[in-house]
Amino acid sequence: MASIVLLDLMGGVALLLWGLHMVQSGILRAFGSDLRYLLSKALGSRFAAFAAGLGLTALLQSSTATGIMTASFAAAGLVQLVPALAIMLGAKGLLACFLAGKILSKSRASGSRSPIKRSAITILNATWNSAVIFAISG
């Protein structure tokens, strides 16, 4: 039984990596040499990069895929470090808001509010604090 679960897990990771490779190679083929120029203009400010992280995560429905693509673009020199960090923060911020919303909806359904509501508020506060610190840092 454990080997089947392990095989399922390895198959899921393999599908994620293969799908990510397909998306990345499709983007590189579609935009080619203009990709660096396009990314530098589109991600010119931290706020635009943060919004791009939110949008890309919503489009791909995977903050992990957004993070891996961003890291590979940064490693290839297509995206600089500060916009890459803003994209990651946007991806994880969307995930944190989704989780907090799920936790709050479960707390309303079950009737027990205080510990569950506090954990959701803690998630939102941590995400908000990270975004504010990133926005005001030079």
C-alpha atoms as a PDB file:
ATOM      1  CA  MET A   1       0.000   0.000   0.000  1.00  0.00           C
ATOM      2  CA  ALA A   2       2.803   2.393   0.854  1.00  0.00           C
ATOM      3  CA  SER A   3       4.536   1.696  -2.444  1.00  0.00           C
ATOM      4  CA  ILE A   4       1.388   2.656  -4.367  1.00  0.00           C
ATOM      5  CA  VAL A   5       1.185   5.950  -2.485  1.00  0.00           C
ATOM      6  CA  LEU A   6       4.870   6.585  -3.181  1.00  0.00           C
ATOM      7  CA  LEU A   7       4.376   5.801  -6.878  1.00  0.00           C
ATOM      8  CA  ASP A   8       1.379   8.157  -7.018  1.00  0.00           C
ATOM      9  CA  LEU A   9       3.432  10.899  -5.373  1.00  0.00           C
ATOM     10  CA  MET A  10       6.346  10.428  -7.760  1.00  0.00           C
ATOM     11  CA  GLY A  11       3.955  10.404 -10.721  1.00  0.00           C
ATOM     12  CA  GLY A  12       2.363  13.649  -9.558  1.00  0.00           C
ATOM     13  CA  VAL A  13       5.730  15.346  -9.191  1.00  0.00           C
ATOM     14  CA  ALA A  14       6.791  14.073 -12.619  1.00  0.00           C
ATOM     15  CA  LEU A  15       3.592  15.418 -14.207  1.00  0.00           C
ATOM     16  CA  LEU A  16       4.082  18.789 -12.502  1.00  0.00           C
ATOM     17  CA  LEU A  17       7.649  19.085 -13.751  1.00  0.00           C
ATOM     18  CA  TRP A  18       6.747  17.936 -17.269  1.00  0.00           C
ATOM     19  CA  GLY A  19       3.810  20.355 -17.473  1.00  0.00           C
ATOM     20  CA  LEU A  20       6.004  23.146 -16.183  1.00  0.00           C
ATOM     21  CA  HIS A  21       8.638  22.355 -18.797  1.00  0.00           C
ATOM     22  CA  MET A  22       5.957  22.446 -21.506  1.00  0.00           C
ATOM     23  CA  VAL A  23       4.656  25.846 -20.327  1.00  0.00           C
ATOM     24  CA  GLN A  24       8.167  27.305 -20.091  1.00  0.00           C
ATOM     25  CA  SER A  25       9.261  26.011 -23.496  1.00  0.00           C
ATOM     26  CA  GLY A  26       6.013  27.293 -25.038  1.00  0.00           C
ATOM     27  CA  ILE A  27       6.629  30.750 -23.584  1.00  0.00           C
ATOM     28  CA  LEU A  28      10.213  30.749 -24.848  1.00  0.00           C
ATOM     29  CA  ARG A  29       9.105  29.662 -28.334  1.00  0.00           C
ATOM     30  CA  ALA A  30       6.278  32.173 -28.497  1.00  0.00           C
ATOM     31  CA  PHE A  31       8.306  35.194 -27.435  1.00  0.00           C
ATOM     32  CA  GLY A  32      11.846  34.141 -28.335  1.00  0.00           C
ATOM     33  CA  SER A  33      14.473  36.840 -28.043  1.00  0.00           C
ATOM     34  CA  ASP A  34      11.949  39.511 -27.126  1.00  0.00           C
ATOM     35  CA  LEU A  35      11.181  37.762 -23.835  1.00  0.00           C
ATOM     36  CA  ARG A  36      13.885  39.568 -21.841  1.00  0.00           C
ATOM     37  CA  TYR A  37      12.748  42.976 -23.116  1.00  0.00           C
ATOM     38  CA  LEU A  38       9.080  42.141 -22.500  1.00  0.00           C
ATOM     39  CA  LEU A  39       9.741  40.899 -18.956  1.00  0.00           C
ATOM     40  CA  SER A  40      11.881  43.906 -18.067  1.00  0.00           C
ATOM     41  CA  LYS A  41       9.154  46.311 -19.206  1.00  0.00           C
ATOM     42  CA  ALA A  42       6.261  44.349 -17.689  1.00  0.00           C
ATOM     43  CA  LEU A  43       8.038  43.810 -14.364  1.00  0.00           C
ATOM     44  CA  GLY A  44       9.534  47.283 -14.110  1.00  0.00           C
ATOM     45  CA  SER A  45       8.231  47.996 -10.617  1.00  0.00           C
ATOM     46  CA  ARG A  46       7.822  45.778  -7.596  1.00  0.00           C
ATOM     47  CA  PHE A  47       4.087  46.339  -7.563  1.00  0.00           C
ATOM     48  CA  ALA A  48       3.713  45.242 -11.185  1.00  0.00           C
ATOM     49  CA  ALA A  49       5.765  42.142 -10.420  1.00  0.00           C
ATOM     50  CA  PHE A  50       3.603  41.434  -7.348  1.00  0.00           C
ATOM     51  CA  ALA A  51       0.467  41.728  -9.489  1.00  0.00           C
ATOM     52  CA  ALA A  52       2.083  39.465 -12.084  1.00  0.00           C
ATOM     53  CA  GLY A  53       2.681  36.865  -9.360  1.00  0.00           C
ATOM     54  CA  LEU A  54      -0.951  37.062  -8.314  1.00  0.00           C
ATOM     55  CA  GLY A  55      -2.172  36.810 -11.896  1.00  0.00           C
ATOM     56  CA  LEU A  56       0.152  34.009 -12.925  1.00  0.00           C
ATOM     57  CA  THR A  57      -0.738  31.968  -9.852  1.00  0.00           C
ATOM     58  CA  ALA A  58      -4.431  32.472 -10.518  1.00  0.00           C
ATOM     59  CA  LEU A  59      -3.923  31.484 -14.154  1.00  0.00           C
ATOM     60  CA  LEU A  60      -1.782  28.414 -13.471  1.00  0.00           C
ATOM     61  CA  GLN A  61      -3.610  27.577 -10.219  1.00  0.00           C
ATOM     62  CA  SER A  62      -0.307  26.577  -8.661  1.00  0.00           C
ATOM     63  CA  SER A  63       1.979  28.759  -6.597  1.00  0.00           C
ATOM     64  CA  THR A  64       4.612  26.034  -6.873  1.00  0.00           C
ATOM     65  CA  ALA A  65       4.582  26.253 -10.666  1.00  0.00           C
ATOM     66  CA  THR A  66       4.827  30.036 -10.461  1.00  0.00           C
ATOM     67  CA  GLY A  67       7.775  29.764  -8.098  1.00  0.00           C
ATOM     68  CA  ILE A  68       9.635  27.214 -10.201  1.00  0.00           C
ATOM     69  CA  MET A  69       9.101  29.195 -13.409  1.00  0.00           C
ATOM     70  CA  THR A  70      10.224  32.408 -11.733  1.00  0.00           C
ATOM     71  CA  ALA A  71      13.321  30.739 -10.319  1.00  0.00           C
ATOM     72  CA  SER A  72      14.228  29.266 -13.697  1.00  0.00           C
ATOM     73  CA  PHE A  73      13.728  32.639 -15.440  1.00  0.00           C
ATOM     74  CA  ALA A  74      15.876  34.321 -12.770  1.00  0.00           C
ATOM     75  CA  ALA A  75      18.572  31.670 -13.138  1.00  0.00           C
ATOM     76  CA  ALA A  76      18.587  32.197 -16.906  1.00  0.00           C
ATOM     77  CA  GLY A  77      18.951  35.956 -16.406  1.00  0.00           C
ATOM     78  CA  LEU A  78      15.561  36.816 -17.903  1.00  0.00           C
ATOM     79  CA  VAL A  79      14.208  38.260 -14.644  1.00  0.00           C
ATOM     80  CA  GLN A  80      16.231  40.189 -12.072  1.00  0.00           C
ATOM     81  CA  LEU A  81      16.200  39.327  -8.377  1.00  0.00           C
ATOM     82  CA  VAL A  82      13.868  42.022  -7.001  1.00  0.00           C
ATOM     83  CA  PRO A  83      11.038  41.389  -9.499  1.00  0.00           C
ATOM     84  CA  ALA A  84      11.483  37.638  -8.986  1.00  0.00           C
ATOM     85  CA  LEU A  85      11.031  38.069  -5.238  1.00  0.00           C
ATOM     86  CA  ALA A  86       7.939  40.209  -5.818  1.00  0.00           C
ATOM     87  CA  ILE A  87       6.470  37.540  -8.099  1.00  0.00           C
ATOM     88  CA  MET A  88       7.097  34.901  -5.429  1.00  0.00           C
ATOM     89  CA  LEU A  89       5.492  37.104  -2.785  1.00  0.00           C
ATOM     90  CA  GLY A  90       2.454  37.606  -5.002  1.00  0.00           C
ATOM     91  CA  ALA A  91       2.161  33.869  -5.605  1.00  0.00           C
ATOM     92  CA  LYS A  92       2.413  32.980  -1.937  1.00  0.00           C
ATOM     93  CA  GLY A  93       0.166  35.884  -0.953  1.00  0.00           C
ATOM     94  CA  LEU A  94      -2.635  34.558  -3.137  1.00  0.00           C
ATOM     95  CA  LEU A  95      -2.168  31.110  -1.610  1.00  0.00           C
ATOM     96  CA  ALA A  96      -2.261  32.533   1.929  1.00  0.00           C
ATOM     97  CA  CYS A  97      -5.452  34.494   1.210  1.00  0.00           C
ATOM     98  CA  PHE A  98      -7.067  31.372  -0.253  1.00  0.00           C
ATOM     99  CA  LEU A  99      -6.123  29.295   2.796  1.00  0.00           C
ATOM    100  CA  ALA A 100      -7.312  31.965   5.211  1.00  0.00           C
ATOM    101  CA  GLY A 101     -10.639  32.172   3.379  1.00  0.00           C
ATOM    102  CA  LYS A 102     -11.034  28.402   3.559  1.00  0.00           C
ATOM    103  CA  ILE A 103     -10.210  28.400   7.276  1.00  0.00           C
ATOM    104  CA  LEU A 104     -12.673  31.211   7.958  1.00  0.00           C
ATOM    105  CA  SER A 105     -15.421  29.487   5.983  1.00  0.00           C
ATOM    106  CA  LYS A 106     -14.842  26.257   7.936  1.00  0.00           C
ATOM    107  CA  SER A 107     -14.906  28.146  11.236  1.00  0.00           C
ATOM    108  CA  ARG A 108     -18.277  29.673  10.397  1.00  0.00           C
ATOM    109  CA  ALA A 109     -19.696  26.307   9.400  1.00  0.00           C
ATOM    110  CA  SER A 110     -18.481  24.501  12.522  1.00  0.00           C
ATOM    111  CA  GLY A 111     -19.369  27.273  14.953  1.00  0.00           C
ATOM    112  CA  SER A 112     -16.022  27.215  16.797  1.00  0.00           C
ATOM    113  CA  ARG A 113     -14.561  30.573  15.946  1.00  0.00           C
ATOM    114  CA  SER A 114     -11.788  31.627  18.247  1.00  0.00           C
ATOM    115  CA  PRO A 115      -8.777  29.301  17.578  1.00  0.00           C
ATOM    116  CA  ILE A 116      -9.536  28.765  13.908  1.00  0.00           C
ATOM    117  CA  LYS A 117     -10.299  32.427  13.292  1.00  0.00           C
ATOM    118  CA  ARG A 118      -7.085  33.447  15.049  1.00  0.00           C
ATOM    119  CA  SER A 119      -5.020  31.151  12.816  1.00  0.00           C
ATOM    120  CA  ALA A 120      -6.626  32.596   9.676  1.00  0.00           C
ATOM    121  CA  ILE A 121      -6.008  36.141  10.880  1.00  0.00           C
ATOM    122  CA  THR A 122      -2.397  35.205  11.672  1.00  0.00           C
ATOM    123  CA  ILE A 123      -1.932  33.934   8.098  1.00  0.00           C
ATOM    124  CA  LEU A 124      -3.369  37.150   6.659  1.00  0.00           C
ATOM    125  CA  ASN A 125      -1.283  39.336   8.999  1.00  0.00           C
ATOM    126  CA  ALA A 126       1.934  37.537   8.083  1.00  0.00           C
ATOM    127  CA  THR A 127       1.175  37.924   4.382  1.00  0.00           C
ATOM    128  CA  TRP A 128       0.270  41.586   4.763  1.00  0.00           C
ATOM    129  CA  ASN A 129       3.381  42.319   6.854  1.00  0.00           C
ATOM    130  CA  SER A 130       5.610  40.639   4.275  1.00  0.00           C
ATOM    131  CA  ALA A 131       4.034  42.680   1.486  1.00  0.00           C
ATOM    132  CA  VAL A 132       4.403  45.952   3.400  1.00  0.00           C
ATOM    133  CA  ILE A 133       8.034  45.268   4.334  1.00  0.00           C
ATOM    134  CA  PHE A 134       8.815  44.391   0.729  1.00  0.00           C
ATOM    135  CA  ALA A 135       7.056  47.516  -0.553  1.00  0.00           C
ATOM    136  CA  ILE A 136       8.891  49.942   1.730  1.00  0.00           C
ATOM    137  CA  SER A 137      12.316  48.309   1.476  1.00  0.00           C
ATOM    138  CA  GLY A 138      14.634  50.069  -0.888  1.00  0.00           C
END
